[in-house]
Protein backbone atom coordinates (compact mmCIF):
# COMPACT_ATOMS: atom_id res chain seq x y z
CA UNK A 1 115.14 281.07 92.35
CA UNK A 2 118.62 280.74 90.87
CA UNK A 3 121.84 282.08 92.56
CA UNK A 4 123.55 285.08 91.12
CA UNK A 5 126.05 284.56 88.55
CA UNK A 6 129.28 286.85 88.22
CA UNK A 7 130.57 286.74 84.72
CA UNK A 8 134.36 287.96 84.87
CA UNK A 9 135.22 288.89 81.40
CA UNK A 10 139.00 289.39 81.29
CA UNK A 11 142.28 288.85 78.92
CA UNK A 12 145.38 287.13 80.10
CA UNK A 13 147.33 290.07 78.85
CA UNK A 14 145.40 292.60 81.06
CA UNK A 15 147.18 293.97 84.09
CA UNK A 16 143.79 295.17 85.85
CA UNK A 17 142.31 291.87 85.19
CA UNK A 18 145.16 290.23 87.46
CA UNK A 19 144.22 292.54 90.04
CA UNK A 20 140.44 291.54 89.92
CA UNK A 21 141.00 287.68 90.25
CA UNK A 22 142.24 287.48 93.93
CA UNK A 23 138.93 289.94 94.63
CA UNK A 24 136.70 287.37 93.09
CA UNK A 25 138.53 284.31 94.65
CA UNK A 26 138.11 285.97 98.17
CA UNK A 27 134.55 286.82 97.47
CA UNK A 28 133.78 283.11 96.64
CA UNK A 29 135.37 281.89 99.43
CA UNK A 30 133.30 284.23 101.68
CA UNK A 31 129.96 283.70 99.81
CA UNK A 32 130.61 279.96 98.97
CA UNK A 33 127.67 278.16 97.19
CA UNK A 34 125.39 281.15 97.29
CA UNK A 35 127.02 282.58 94.08
CA UNK A 36 128.51 281.55 91.20
CA UNK A 37 131.76 282.92 89.38
CA UNK A 38 132.32 282.21 85.79
CA UNK A 39 135.72 283.41 84.15
CA UNK A 40 135.41 284.15 80.51
CA UNK A 41 138.60 284.96 78.41
CA UNK A 42 137.56 287.36 75.92
CA UNK A 43 140.31 286.22 73.36
CA UNK A 44 139.02 282.44 73.33
CA UNK A 45 135.19 283.30 73.81
CA UNK A 46 134.80 286.58 71.49
CA UNK A 47 131.10 285.08 70.91
CA UNK A 48 130.33 285.64 74.53
CA UNK A 49 132.10 288.80 74.48
CA UNK A 50 130.03 290.27 71.69
CA UNK A 51 126.72 289.06 73.17
CA UNK A 52 127.33 291.01 76.18
CA UNK A 53 128.64 293.93 74.54
CA UNK A 54 132.08 293.88 76.28
CA UNK A 55 134.39 296.59 75.17
CA UNK A 56 136.77 296.84 78.37
CA UNK A 57 138.39 294.32 80.31
CA UNK A 58 137.89 293.49 83.05
CA UNK A 59 134.00 293.77 83.15
CA UNK A 60 132.17 292.11 85.52
CA UNK A 61 128.36 291.26 84.65
CA UNK A 62 126.06 290.24 87.44
CA UNK A 63 123.15 288.04 86.38
CA UNK A 64 120.31 286.57 88.24
CA UNK A 65 117.45 284.36 86.97
CA UNK A 66 118.97 284.96 83.30
CA UNK A 67 118.57 288.80 83.78
CA UNK A 68 121.69 291.30 83.86
CA UNK A 69 121.26 293.21 87.15
CA UNK A 70 124.63 295.13 86.85
CA UNK A 71 127.47 295.73 85.00
CA UNK A 72 130.79 297.12 86.00
CA UNK A 73 133.67 298.05 83.85
CA UNK A 74 137.26 298.27 85.36
CA UNK A 75 138.33 296.60 88.58
CA UNK A 76 135.57 296.28 91.08
CA UNK A 77 136.64 296.18 94.90
CA UNK A 78 135.02 293.43 96.99
CA UNK A 79 132.91 295.76 99.51
CA UNK A 80 131.14 296.93 96.32
CA UNK A 81 130.47 293.26 94.73
CA UNK A 82 129.47 292.12 98.28
CA UNK A 83 127.12 294.96 98.88
CA UNK A 84 125.56 293.99 95.17
CA UNK A 85 125.18 290.58 95.87
CA UNK A 86 123.90 290.29 99.14
CA UNK A 87 120.25 291.16 98.29
CA UNK A 88 120.37 288.52 95.53
CA UNK A 89 121.42 285.66 97.73
CA UNK A 90 118.89 286.37 100.53
């Protein structure tokens, strides 16, 4: 099984996106190689934003084995993210 991937769809001009970044960085430090975090700038990668139906930034999408497990719009706190990811990394 592959490790879960968290896609962080953001924009450089987005204030809440700037709040999400340190939360993801702390999570990445805590979970290390158990999870992969990919940042996707919606202004540079409109094709991916369209593919995933992104309408709001920030939007986080958790994918496991090529399937979307969870989509969250707006800033998501570390505890919520960790709770969602724990069953996927075990």
